[in-house]
C-alpha atoms as a PDB file:
ATOM      1  CA  MET A   1       1.949  14.573  15.525  1.00  0.00           C
ATOM      2  CA  LYS A   2       5.707  14.529  15.040  1.00  0.00           C
ATOM      3  CA  VAL A   3       8.402  14.307  17.690  1.00  0.00           C
ATOM      4  CA  THR A   4      12.178  14.308  17.418  1.00  0.00           C
ATOM      5  CA  VAL A   5      14.055  11.642  19.354  1.00  0.00           C
ATOM      6  CA  LYS A   6      17.640  12.526  20.247  1.00  0.00           C
ATOM      7  CA  CYS A   7      19.869   9.464  20.551  1.00  0.00           C
ATOM      8  CA  PHE A   8      22.836   9.323  22.909  1.00  0.00           C
ATOM      9  CA  SER A   9      25.381   6.660  23.858  1.00  0.00           C
ATOM     10  CA  GLN A  10      23.902   3.137  23.750  1.00  0.00           C
ATOM     11  CA  VAL A  11      20.676   4.370  22.148  1.00  0.00           C
ATOM     12  CA  LYS A  12      22.663   5.994  19.341  1.00  0.00           C
ATOM     13  CA  TYR A  13      24.661   2.813  18.727  1.00  0.00           C
ATOM     14  CA  ALA A  14      21.578   0.581  18.915  1.00  0.00           C
ATOM     15  CA  LEU A  15      19.633   2.671  16.381  1.00  0.00           C
ATOM     16  CA  GLY A  16      22.578   3.798  14.269  1.00  0.00           C
ATOM     17  CA  THR A  17      21.590   7.472  14.247  1.00  0.00           C
ATOM     18  CA  ASP A  18      21.852  10.699  16.228  1.00  0.00           C
ATOM     19  CA  ASP A  19      18.163  11.512  15.936  1.00  0.00           C
ATOM     20  CA  LEU A  20      14.863  10.303  14.562  1.00  0.00           C
ATOM     21  CA  VAL A  21      11.717  12.148  13.577  1.00  0.00           C
ATOM     22  CA  LEU A  22       8.696   9.973  14.297  1.00  0.00           C
ATOM     23  CA  LYS A  23       5.039  10.436  13.471  1.00  0.00           C
ATOM     24  CA  LEU A  24       2.976   9.363  16.482  1.00  0.00           C
ATOM     25  CA  ASP A  25      -0.673   9.248  17.445  1.00  0.00           C
ATOM     26  CA  ILE A  26      -2.020  12.097  19.550  1.00  0.00           C
ATOM     27  CA  GLY A  27      -1.981  10.969  23.168  1.00  0.00           C
ATOM     28  CA  THR A  28       1.258   8.974  22.852  1.00  0.00           C
ATOM     29  CA  THR A  29       3.209   8.914  26.106  1.00  0.00           C
ATOM     30  CA  THR A  30       6.912   8.615  26.843  1.00  0.00           C
ATOM     31  CA  GLU A  31       6.271   5.058  28.013  1.00  0.00           C
ATOM     32  CA  ILE A  32       4.749   4.095  24.652  1.00  0.00           C
ATOM     33  CA  LEU A  33       7.536   5.858  22.764  1.00  0.00           C
ATOM     34  CA  GLU A  34      10.164   3.992  24.795  1.00  0.00           C
ATOM     35  CA  LYS A  35       8.569   0.691  23.705  1.00  0.00           C
ATOM     36  CA  VAL A  36       8.753   1.850  20.060  1.00  0.00           C
ATOM     37  CA  ILE A  37      12.433   2.780  20.451  1.00  0.00           C
ATOM     38  CA  ARG A  38      13.266  -0.535  22.117  1.00  0.00           C
ATOM     39  CA  GLU A  39      11.520  -2.423  19.283  1.00  0.00           C
ATOM     40  CA  LYS A  40      13.491  -0.428  16.679  1.00  0.00           C
ATOM     41  CA  ALA A  41      16.689  -1.351  18.547  1.00  0.00           C
ATOM     42  CA  GLY A  42      16.003  -5.047  17.994  1.00  0.00           C
ATOM     43  CA  GLY A  43      16.957  -6.156  21.489  1.00  0.00           C
ATOM     44  CA  LYS A  44      20.148  -4.082  21.701  1.00  0.00           C
ATOM     45  CA  LEU A  45      18.671  -2.056  24.579  1.00  0.00           C
ATOM     46  CA  ASP A  46      17.372  -5.025  26.561  1.00  0.00           C
ATOM     47  CA  GLY A  47      18.372  -4.623  30.193  1.00  0.00           C
ATOM     48  CA  VAL A  48      19.417  -0.991  29.721  1.00  0.00           C
ATOM     49  CA  SER A  49      17.568   1.452  31.982  1.00  0.00           C
ATOM     50  CA  LEU A  50      16.743   4.753  30.320  1.00  0.00           C
ATOM     51  CA  ARG A  51      15.873   8.158  31.735  1.00  0.00           C
ATOM     52  CA  VAL A  52      13.617  10.286  29.589  1.00  0.00           C
ATOM     53  CA  ALA A  53      13.765  14.013  28.969  1.00  0.00           C
ATOM     54  CA  VAL A  54      11.246  16.067  27.012  1.00  0.00           C
ATOM     55  CA  ASN A  55      12.384  19.443  25.731  1.00  0.00           C
ATOM     56  CA  GLN A  56      15.598  19.101  27.774  1.00  0.00           C
ATOM     57  CA  LYS A  57      13.866  18.443  31.121  1.00  0.00           C
ATOM     58  CA  TYR A  58      13.596  15.097  32.873  1.00  0.00           C
ATOM     59  CA  VAL A  59       9.970  13.945  33.108  1.00  0.00           C
ATOM     60  CA  PRO A  60       8.044  11.139  34.843  1.00  0.00           C
ATOM     61  CA  GLU A  61       7.570   7.857  32.966  1.00  0.00           C
ATOM     62  CA  ASN A  62       4.062   8.250  31.587  1.00  0.00           C
ATOM     63  CA  THR A  63       4.230  11.858  30.327  1.00  0.00           C
ATOM     64  CA  GLU A  64       1.990  12.690  27.365  1.00  0.00           C
ATOM     65  CA  LEU A  65       3.850  14.052  24.350  1.00  0.00           C
ATOM     66  CA  ASN A  66       2.890  17.011  22.177  1.00  0.00           C
ATOM     67  CA  ASP A  67       3.518  17.841  18.534  1.00  0.00           C
ATOM     68  CA  GLY A  68       7.039  19.209  18.081  1.00  0.00           C
ATOM     69  CA  ASP A  69       8.470  17.803  21.325  1.00  0.00           C
ATOM     70  CA  GLU A  70      12.118  16.792  21.484  1.00  0.00           C
ATOM     71  CA  VAL A  71      12.562  13.568  23.434  1.00  0.00           C
ATOM     72  CA  ALA A  72      15.854  12.117  24.663  1.00  0.00           C
ATOM     73  CA  PHE A  73      16.333   8.641  26.084  1.00  0.00           C
ATOM     74  CA  ILE A  74      19.427   8.784  28.232  1.00  0.00           C
ATOM     75  CA  PRO A  75      21.182   5.624  29.398  1.00  0.00           C
ATOM     76  CA  PRO A  76      23.153   5.519  32.645  1.00  0.00           C
ATOM     77  CA  VAL A  77      26.485   7.342  32.601  1.00  0.00           C
ATOM     78  CA  GLN A  78      29.424   4.987  32.200  1.00  0.00           C
ATOM     79  CA  GLY A  79      32.865   5.787  33.418  1.00  0.00           C
ATOM     80  CA  GLY A  80      36.165   4.503  32.268  1.00  0.00           C
END
């Protein structure tokens, strides 16, 4: 199955892109996908807590993904 990962803020800078299209095994969860994203970031997201949204709705940590889903990993909002 394929999912699109939307990258914002620290995730965008860590991965160097606005979005990724990834081919994943059926049954992949948001928790597994987060591990994949953190590995791709090469440690740049260590210590950063991320909220996850699937198809523009926040979901619990271990939500199973479906073909065509759009997933966003959203770091905490930072003010300035």
